[in-house]
Amino acid sequence: NVFFNWFFFTLYAAFFTSTTALVYVEDNVSWGWGFG
């Protein structure tokens, strides 16, 4: 159960990073850099 909690914590933390940092790069720098 502890592992499952950490699994979802990591999953959503990575979602957070991708929907902020990577989306910002794709919108304001270039799509190529974001996908890269």
All heavy atoms as atom14 arrays in JSON, in Angstrom:
{
  "sequence": "NVFFNWFFFTLYAAFFTSTTALVYVEDNVSWGWGFG",
  "atom14_mask": [
    [1, 1, 1, 1, 1, 1, 1, 1, 0, 0, 0, 0, 0, 0],
    [1, 1, 1, 1, 1, 1, 1, 0, 0, 0, 0, 0, 0, 0],
    [1, 1, 1, 1, 1, 1, 1, 1, 1, 1, 1, 0, 0, 0],
    [1, 1, 1, 1, 1, 1, 1, 1, 1, 1, 1, 0, 0, 0],
    [1, 1, 1, 1, 1, 1, 1, 1, 0, 0, 0, 0, 0, 0],
    [1, 1, 1, 1, 1, 1, 1, 1, 1, 1, 1, 1, 1, 1],
    [1, 1, 1, 1, 1, 1, 1, 1, 1, 1, 1, 0, 0, 0],
    [1, 1, 1, 1, 1, 1, 1, 1, 1, 1, 1, 0, 0, 0],
    [1, 1, 1, 1, 1, 1, 1, 1, 1, 1, 1, 0, 0, 0],
    [1, 1, 1, 1, 1, 1, 1, 0, 0, 0, 0, 0, 0, 0],
    [1, 1, 1, 1, 1, 1, 1, 1, 0, 0, 0, 0, 0, 0],
    [1, 1, 1, 1, 1, 1, 1, 1, 1, 1, 1, 1, 0, 0],
    [1, 1, 1, 1, 1, 0, 0, 0, 0, 0, 0, 0, 0, 0],
    [1, 1, 1, 1, 1, 0, 0, 0, 0, 0, 0, 0, 0, 0],
    [1, 1, 1, 1, 1, 1, 1, 1, 1, 1, 1, 0, 0, 0],
    [1, 1, 1, 1, 1, 1, 1, 1, 1, 1, 1, 0, 0, 0],
    [1, 1, 1, 1, 1, 1, 1, 0, 0, 0, 0, 0, 0, 0],
    [1, 1, 1, 1, 1, 1, 0, 0, 0, 0, 0, 0, 0, 0],
    [1, 1, 1, 1, 1, 1, 1, 0, 0, 0, 0, 0, 0, 0],
    [1, 1, 1, 1, 1, 1, 1, 0, 0, 0, 0, 0, 0, 0],
    [1, 1, 1, 1, 1, 0, 0, 0, 0, 0, 0, 0, 0, 0],
    [1, 1, 1, 1, 1, 1, 1, 1, 0, 0, 0, 0, 0, 0],
    [1, 1, 1, 1, 1, 1, 1, 0, 0, 0, 0, 0, 0, 0],
    [1, 1, 1, 1, 1, 1, 1, 1, 1, 1, 1, 1, 0, 0],
    [1, 1, 1, 1, 1, 1, 1, 0, 0, 0, 0, 0, 0, 0],
    [1, 1, 1, 1, 1, 1, 1, 1, 1, 0, 0, 0, 0, 0],
    [1, 1, 1, 1, 1, 1, 1, 1, 0, 0, 0, 0, 0, 0],
    [1, 1, 1, 1, 1, 1, 1, 1, 0, 0, 0, 0, 0, 0],
    [1, 1, 1, 1, 1, 1, 1, 0, 0, 0, 0, 0, 0, 0],
    [1, 1, 1, 1, 1, 1, 0, 0, 0, 0, 0, 0, 0, 0],
    [1, 1, 1, 1, 1, 1, 1, 1, 1, 1, 1, 1, 1, 1],
    [1, 1, 1, 1, 0, 0, 0, 0, 0, 0, 0, 0, 0, 0],
    [1, 1, 1, 1, 1, 1, 1, 1, 1, 1, 1, 1, 1, 1],
    [1, 1, 1, 1, 0, 0, 0, 0, 0, 0, 0, 0, 0, 0],
    [1, 1, 1, 1, 1, 1, 1, 1, 1, 1, 1, 0, 0, 0],
    [1, 1, 1, 1, 0, 0, 0, 0, 0, 0, 0, 0, 0, 0]
  ],
  "atom14_positions": [
    [[0.82, -1.21, 0.0], [0.0, 0.0, 0.0], [0.85, 1.26, 0.0], [0.53, 2.25, -0.67], [-0.93, 0.0, 1.21], [-2.07, -1.0, 1.07], [-2.44, -1.38, -0.05], [-2.61, -1.44, 2.19], [0.0, 0.0, 0.0], [0.0, 0.0, 0.0], [0.0, 0.0, 0.0], [0.0, 0.0, 0.0], [0.0, 0.0, 0.0], [0.0, 0.0, 0.0]],
    [[1.96, 1.24, 0.76], [2.88, 2.37, 0.77], [3.47, 2.57, -0.63], [3.58, 3.7, -1.13], [4.0, 2.17, 1.81], [5.08, 3.24, 1.66], [3.42, 2.21, 3.22], [0.0, 0.0, 0.0], [0.0, 0.0, 0.0], [0.0, 0.0, 0.0], [0.0, 0.0, 0.0], [0.0, 0.0, 0.0], [0.0, 0.0, 0.0], [0.0, 0.0, 0.0]],
    [[3.86, 1.45, -1.26], [4.41, 1.56, -2.61], [3.39, 2.16, -3.57], [3.73, 3.02, -4.39], [4.85, 0.19, -3.13], [5.2, 0.21, -4.6], [6.42, 0.71, -5.03], [4.28, -0.2, -5.56], [6.72, 0.78, -6.39], [4.58, -0.14, -6.91], [5.81, 0.35, -7.32], [0.0, 0.0, 0.0], [0.0, 0.0, 0.0], [0.0, 0.0, 0.0]],
    [[2.13, 1.7, -3.5], [1.11, 2.24, -4.41], [0.93, 3.74, -4.21], [0.74, 4.5, -5.18], [-0.22, 1.51, -4.21], [-0.27, 0.15, -4.84], [-0.73, -0.95, -4.12], [0.15, -0.04, -6.13], [-0.78, -2.21, -4.69], [0.11, -1.31, -6.72], [-0.36, -2.39, -5.99], [0.0, 0.0, 0.0], [0.0, 0.0, 0.0], [0.0, 0.0, 0.0]],
    [[0.98, 4.2, -2.95], [0.86, 5.64, -2.7], [2.03, 6.4, -3.34], [1.84, 7.45, -3.96], [0.81, 5.91, -1.2], [-0.6, 5.77, -0.63], [-1.56, 5.73, -1.38], [-0.7, 5.67, 0.67], [0.0, 0.0, 0.0], [0.0, 0.0, 0.0], [0.0, 0.0, 0.0], [0.0, 0.0, 0.0], [0.0, 0.0, 0.0], [0.0, 0.0, 0.0]],
    [[3.24, 5.86, -3.18], [4.41, 6.52, -3.78], [4.38, 6.41, -5.31], [4.84, 7.32, -6.01], [5.69, 5.91, -3.23], [6.08, 6.5, -1.92], [5.98, 5.93, -0.68], [6.62, 7.81, -1.7], [6.42, 6.79, 0.29], [6.83, 7.96, -0.31], [6.96, 8.87, -2.54], [7.35, 9.12, 0.25], [7.47, 10.03, -2.0], [7.67, 10.14, -0.62]],
    [[3.85, 5.32, -5.81], [3.73, 5.17, -7.26], [2.85, 6.28, -7.83], [3.22, 6.94, -8.81], [3.13, 3.79, -7.58], [2.78, 3.6, -9.03], [3.74, 3.23, -9.95], [1.47, 3.79, -9.48], [3.42, 3.05, -11.29], [1.15, 3.62, -10.81], [2.12, 3.25, -11.72], [0.0, 0.0, 0.0], [0.0, 0.0, 0.0], [0.0, 0.0, 0.0]],
    [[1.68, 6.49, -7.21], [0.79, 7.54, -7.71], [1.35, 8.92, -7.43], [1.14, 9.85, -8.23], [-0.6, 7.37, -7.09], [-1.46, 6.38, -7.82], [-1.54, 5.07, -7.4], [-2.15, 6.75, -8.96], [-2.31, 4.15, -8.08], [-2.92, 5.84, -9.65], [-3.0, 4.53, -9.21], [0.0, 0.0, 0.0], [0.0, 0.0, 0.0], [0.0, 0.0, 0.0]],
    [[2.06, 9.09, -6.31], [2.7, 10.38, -6.04], [3.7, 10.71, -7.14], [3.71, 11.83, -7.68], [3.43, 10.33, -4.68], [4.21, 11.57, -4.37], [3.61, 12.65, -3.74], [5.56, 11.67, -4.7], [4.33, 13.8, -3.46], [6.29, 12.82, -4.42], [5.67, 13.89, -3.79], [0.0, 0.0, 0.0], [0.0, 0.0, 0.0], [0.0, 0.0, 0.0]],
    [[4.54, 9.75, -7.52], [5.52, 9.96, -8.58], [4.84, 10.19, -9.92], [5.24, 11.05, -10.71], [6.45, 8.75, -8.67], [7.04, 8.5, -7.4], [7.55, 8.98, -9.7], [0.0, 0.0, 0.0], [0.0, 0.0, 0.0], [0.0, 0.0, 0.0], [0.0, 0.0, 0.0], [0.0, 0.0, 0.0], [0.0, 0.0, 0.0], [0.0, 0.0, 0.0]],
    [[3.78, 9.41, -10.17], [3.03, 9.55, -11.42], [2.5, 10.98, -11.58], [2.69, 11.62, -12.62], [1.88, 8.54, -11.43], [1.23, 8.2, -12.76], [2.17, 7.38, -13.62], [-0.06, 7.4, -12.52], [0.0, 0.0, 0.0], [0.0, 0.0, 0.0], [0.0, 0.0, 0.0], [0.0, 0.0, 0.0], [0.0, 0.0, 0.0], [0.0, 0.0, 0.0]],
    [[1.87, 11.5, -10.53], [1.27, 12.82, -10.62], [2.32, 13.93, -10.55], [2.14, 15.0, -11.15], [0.22, 12.99, -9.53], [-1.09, 12.35, -9.89], [-1.37, 11.04, -9.52], [-2.05, 13.04, -10.61], [-2.56, 10.43, -9.86], [-3.24, 12.45, -10.95], [-3.5, 11.15, -10.58], [-4.69, 10.56, -10.94], [0.0, 0.0, 0.0], [0.0, 0.0, 0.0]],
    [[3.42, 13.69, -9.83], [4.5, 14.68, -9.83], [5.11, 14.82, -11.22], [5.43, 15.93, -11.67], [5.57, 14.28, -8.81], [0.0, 0.0, 0.0], [0.0, 0.0, 0.0], [0.0, 0.0, 0.0], [0.0, 0.0, 0.0], [0.0, 0.0, 0.0], [0.0, 0.0, 0.0], [0.0, 0.0, 0.0], [0.0, 0.0, 0.0], [0.0, 0.0, 0.0]],
    [[5.25, 13.69, -11.93], [5.76, 13.74, -13.3], [4.74, 14.39, -14.23], [5.11, 15.15, -15.14], [6.09, 12.33, -13.78], [0.0, 0.0, 0.0], [0.0, 0.0, 0.0], [0.0, 0.0, 0.0], [0.0, 0.0, 0.0], [0.0, 0.0, 0.0], [0.0, 0.0, 0.0], [0.0, 0.0, 0.0], [0.0, 0.0, 0.0], [0.0, 0.0, 0.0]],
    [[3.45, 14.11, -14.01], [2.41, 14.8, -14.78], [2.51, 16.31, -14.58], [2.38, 17.1, -15.53], [1.02, 14.32, -14.35], [0.65, 12.96, -14.85], [-0.36, 12.24, -14.23], [1.29, 12.39, -15.93], [-0.73, 10.98, -14.68], [0.94, 11.13, -16.39], [-0.07, 10.43, -15.75], [0.0, 0.0, 0.0], [0.0, 0.0, 0.0], [0.0, 0.0, 0.0]],
    [[2.72, 16.71, -13.33], [2.84, 18.13, -13.01], [4.0, 18.77, -13.77], [3.86, 19.84, -14.38], [3.05, 18.31, -11.51], [3.56, 19.66, -11.11], [2.74, 20.77, -11.13], [4.88, 19.84, -10.73], [3.2, 22.02, -10.78], [5.37, 21.08, -10.38], [4.53, 22.17, -10.4], [0.0, 0.0, 0.0], [0.0, 0.0, 0.0], [0.0, 0.0, 0.0]],
    [[5.14, 18.09, -13.77], [6.32, 18.63, -14.46], [6.09, 18.74, -15.96], [6.43, 19.75, -16.59], [7.54, 17.75, -14.18], [7.74, 17.63, -12.77], [8.8, 18.34, -14.8], [0.0, 0.0, 0.0], [0.0, 0.0, 0.0], [0.0, 0.0, 0.0], [0.0, 0.0, 0.0], [0.0, 0.0, 0.0], [0.0, 0.0, 0.0], [0.0, 0.0, 0.0]],
    [[5.48, 17.7, -16.53], [5.28, 17.71, -17.99], [4.25, 18.74, -18.41], [4.39, 19.37, -19.47], [4.86, 16.32, -18.47], [3.67, 15.9, -17.84], [0.0, 0.0, 0.0], [0.0, 0.0, 0.0], [0.0, 0.0, 0.0], [0.0, 0.0, 0.0], [0.0, 0.0, 0.0], [0.0, 0.0, 0.0], [0.0, 0.0, 0.0], [0.0, 0.0, 0.0]],
    [[3.2, 18.95, -17.59], [2.16, 19.91, -17.98], [2.51, 21.34, -17.63], [1.75, 22.25, -17.95], [0.82, 19.55, -17.3], [1.02, 19.37, -15.9], [0.23, 18.3, -17.9], [0.0, 0.0, 0.0], [0.0, 0.0, 0.0], [0.0, 0.0, 0.0], [0.0, 0.0, 0.0], [0.0, 0.0, 0.0], [0.0, 0.0, 0.0], [0.0, 0.0, 0.0]],
    [[3.62, 21.55, -16.98], [4.08, 22.91, -16.71], [5.34, 23.21, -17.51], [5.3, 23.95, -18.49], [4.35, 23.11, -15.21], [5.22, 22.08, -14.73], [3.06, 23.09, -14.42], [0.0, 0.0, 0.0], [0.0, 0.0, 0.0], [0.0, 0.0, 0.0], [0.0, 0.0, 0.0], [0.0, 0.0, 0.0], [0.0, 0.0, 0.0], [0.0, 0.0, 0.0]],
    [[6.44, 22.58, -17.13], [7.72, 22.89, -17.76], [7.73, 22.53, -19.24], [8.09, 23.35, -20.1], [8.85, 22.15, -17.02], [0.0, 0.0, 0.0], [0.0, 0.0, 0.0], [0.0, 0.0, 0.0], [0.0, 0.0, 0.0], [0.0, 0.0, 0.0], [0.0, 0.0, 0.0], [0.0, 0.0, 0.0], [0.0, 0.0, 0.0], [0.0, 0.0, 0.0]],
    [[7.33, 21.29, -19.56], [7.4, 20.87, -20.97], [6.38, 21.59, -21.83], [6.66, 21.97, -22.97], [7.22, 19.36, -21.07], [8.38, 18.5, -20.55], [8.16, 17.04, -20.88], [9.7, 18.98, -21.12], [0.0, 0.0, 0.0], [0.0, 0.0, 0.0], [0.0, 0.0, 0.0], [0.0, 0.0, 0.0], [0.0, 0.0, 0.0], [0.0, 0.0, 0.0]],
    [[5.16, 21.78, -21.31], [4.15, 22.51, -22.08], [4.59, 23.95, -22.29], [4.39, 24.53, -23.37], [2.78, 22.46, -21.36], [1.81, 23.45, -21.99], [2.2, 21.05, -21.43], [0.0, 0.0, 0.0], [0.0, 0.0, 0.0], [0.0, 0.0, 0.0], [0.0, 0.0, 0.0], [0.0, 0.0, 0.0], [0.0, 0.0, 0.0], [0.0, 0.0, 0.0]],
    [[5.24, 24.54, -21.29], [5.74, 25.91, -21.44], [6.81, 25.97, -22.53], [6.82, 26.89, -23.36], [6.32, 26.42, -20.12], [6.85, 27.83, -20.2], [5.99, 28.91, -20.06], [8.19, 28.08, -20.44], [6.45, 30.22, -20.16], [8.68, 29.38, -20.53], [7.81, 30.45, -20.38], [8.27, 31.72, -20.49], [0.0, 0.0, 0.0], [0.0, 0.0, 0.0]],
    [[7.7, 24.98, -22.54], [8.74, 24.94, -23.58], [8.1, 24.81, -24.96], [8.5, 25.5, -25.91], [9.72, 23.77, -23.32], [10.64, 23.55, -24.52], [10.55, 24.04, -22.07], [0.0, 0.0, 0.0], [0.0, 0.0, 0.0], [0.0, 0.0, 0.0], [0.0, 0.0, 0.0], [0.0, 0.0, 0.0], [0.0, 0.0, 0.0], [0.0, 0.0, 0.0]],
    [[7.11, 23.94, -25.09], [6.46, 23.74, -26.38], [5.72, 24.98, -26.85], [5.7, 25.3, -28.05], [5.5, 22.55, -26.27], [6.21, 21.22, -26.14], [5.34, 20.1, -25.61], [4.15, 20.37, -25.31], [5.82, 18.97, -25.5], [0.0, 0.0, 0.0], [0.0, 0.0, 0.0], [0.0, 0.0, 0.0], [0.0, 0.0, 0.0], [0.0, 0.0, 0.0]],
    [[5.11, 25.72, -25.91], [4.33, 26.91, -26.28], [5.22, 28.13, -26.52], [4.87, 29.0, -27.34], [3.32, 27.24, -25.18], [2.11, 26.32, -25.23], [2.09, 25.42, -26.11], [1.2, 26.47, -24.41], [0.0, 0.0, 0.0], [0.0, 0.0, 0.0], [0.0, 0.0, 0.0], [0.0, 0.0, 0.0], [0.0, 0.0, 0.0], [0.0, 0.0, 0.0]],
    [[6.35, 28.23, -25.8], [7.13, 29.46, -25.84], [8.53, 29.33, -26.44], [9.14, 30.34, -26.78], [7.28, 30.01, -24.41], [5.95, 30.42, -23.8], [5.44, 31.51, -24.05], [5.36, 29.53, -23.01], [0.0, 0.0, 0.0], [0.0, 0.0, 0.0], [0.0, 0.0, 0.0], [0.0, 0.0, 0.0], [0.0, 0.0, 0.0], [0.0, 0.0, 0.0]],
    [[9.03, 28.11, -26.56], [10.35, 27.92, -27.2], [10.14, 27.26, -28.55], [10.25, 27.9, -29.59], [11.28, 27.09, -26.29], [12.66, 26.93, -26.95], [11.43, 27.75, -24.92], [0.0, 0.0, 0.0], [0.0, 0.0, 0.0], [0.0, 0.0, 0.0], [0.0, 0.0, 0.0], [0.0, 0.0, 0.0], [0.0, 0.0, 0.0], [0.0, 0.0, 0.0]],
    [[9.86, 25.97, -28.54], [9.52, 25.26, -29.78], [9.0, 23.88, -29.45], [9.32, 23.3, -28.4], [10.75, 25.13, -30.7], [11.65, 24.15, -30.21], [0.0, 0.0, 0.0], [0.0, 0.0, 0.0], [0.0, 0.0, 0.0], [0.0, 0.0, 0.0], [0.0, 0.0, 0.0], [0.0, 0.0, 0.0], [0.0, 0.0, 0.0], [0.0, 0.0, 0.0]],
    [[8.19, 23.35, -30.35], [7.68, 22.0, -30.18], [8.82, 20.99, -30.26], [8.81, 19.96, -29.58], [6.63, 21.69, -31.25], [5.35, 22.42, -31.05], [4.95, 23.59, -31.66], [4.28, 22.05, -30.16], [3.71, 23.96, -31.21], [3.27, 23.04, -30.3], [4.08, 21.0, -29.29], [2.08, 22.99, -29.58], [2.89, 20.94, -28.56], [1.91, 21.93, -28.72]],
    [[9.8, 21.26, -31.08], [10.93, 20.36, -31.22], [11.69, 20.17, -29.92], [12.04, 19.04, -29.55], [0.0, 0.0, 0.0], [0.0, 0.0, 0.0], [0.0, 0.0, 0.0], [0.0, 0.0, 0.0], [0.0, 0.0, 0.0], [0.0, 0.0, 0.0], [0.0, 0.0, 0.0], [0.0, 0.0, 0.0], [0.0, 0.0, 0.0], [0.0, 0.0, 0.0]],
    [[11.94, 21.28, -29.2], [12.63, 21.18, -27.92], [11.79, 20.43, -26.89], [12.29, 19.61, -26.1], [12.96, 22.58, -27.39], [14.29, 23.08, -27.88], [14.52, 24.0, -28.86], [15.57, 22.68, -27.4], [15.86, 24.21, -29.04], [16.54, 23.41, -28.15], [16.02, 21.79, -26.43], [17.91, 23.26, -27.95], [17.38, 21.64, -26.22], [18.31, 22.37, -26.98]],
    [[10.48, 20.68, -26.88], [9.6, 20.0, -25.93], [9.59, 18.5, -26.14], [9.75, 17.71, -25.2], [0.0, 0.0, 0.0], [0.0, 0.0, 0.0], [0.0, 0.0, 0.0], [0.0, 0.0, 0.0], [0.0, 0.0, 0.0], [0.0, 0.0, 0.0], [0.0, 0.0, 0.0], [0.0, 0.0, 0.0], [0.0, 0.0, 0.0], [0.0, 0.0, 0.0]],
    [[9.4, 18.08, -27.4], [9.4, 16.65, -27.69], [10.8, 16.05, -27.49], [10.93, 14.88, -27.12], [8.93, 16.41, -29.12], [7.45, 16.68, -29.32], [6.93, 16.87, -30.6], [6.57, 16.75, -28.25], [5.59, 17.12, -30.8], [5.22, 17.0, -28.44], [4.72, 17.19, -29.71], [0.0, 0.0, 0.0], [0.0, 0.0, 0.0], [0.0, 0.0, 0.0]],
    [[11.84, 16.85, -27.76], [13.2, 16.36, -27.55], [13.5, 16.06, -26.09], [14.17, 15.07, -25.76], [0.0, 0.0, 0.0], [0.0, 0.0, 0.0], [0.0, 0.0, 0.0], [0.0, 0.0, 0.0], [0.0, 0.0, 0.0], [0.0, 0.0, 0.0], [0.0, 0.0, 0.0], [0.0, 0.0, 0.0], [0.0, 0.0, 0.0], [0.0, 0.0, 0.0]]
  ]
}
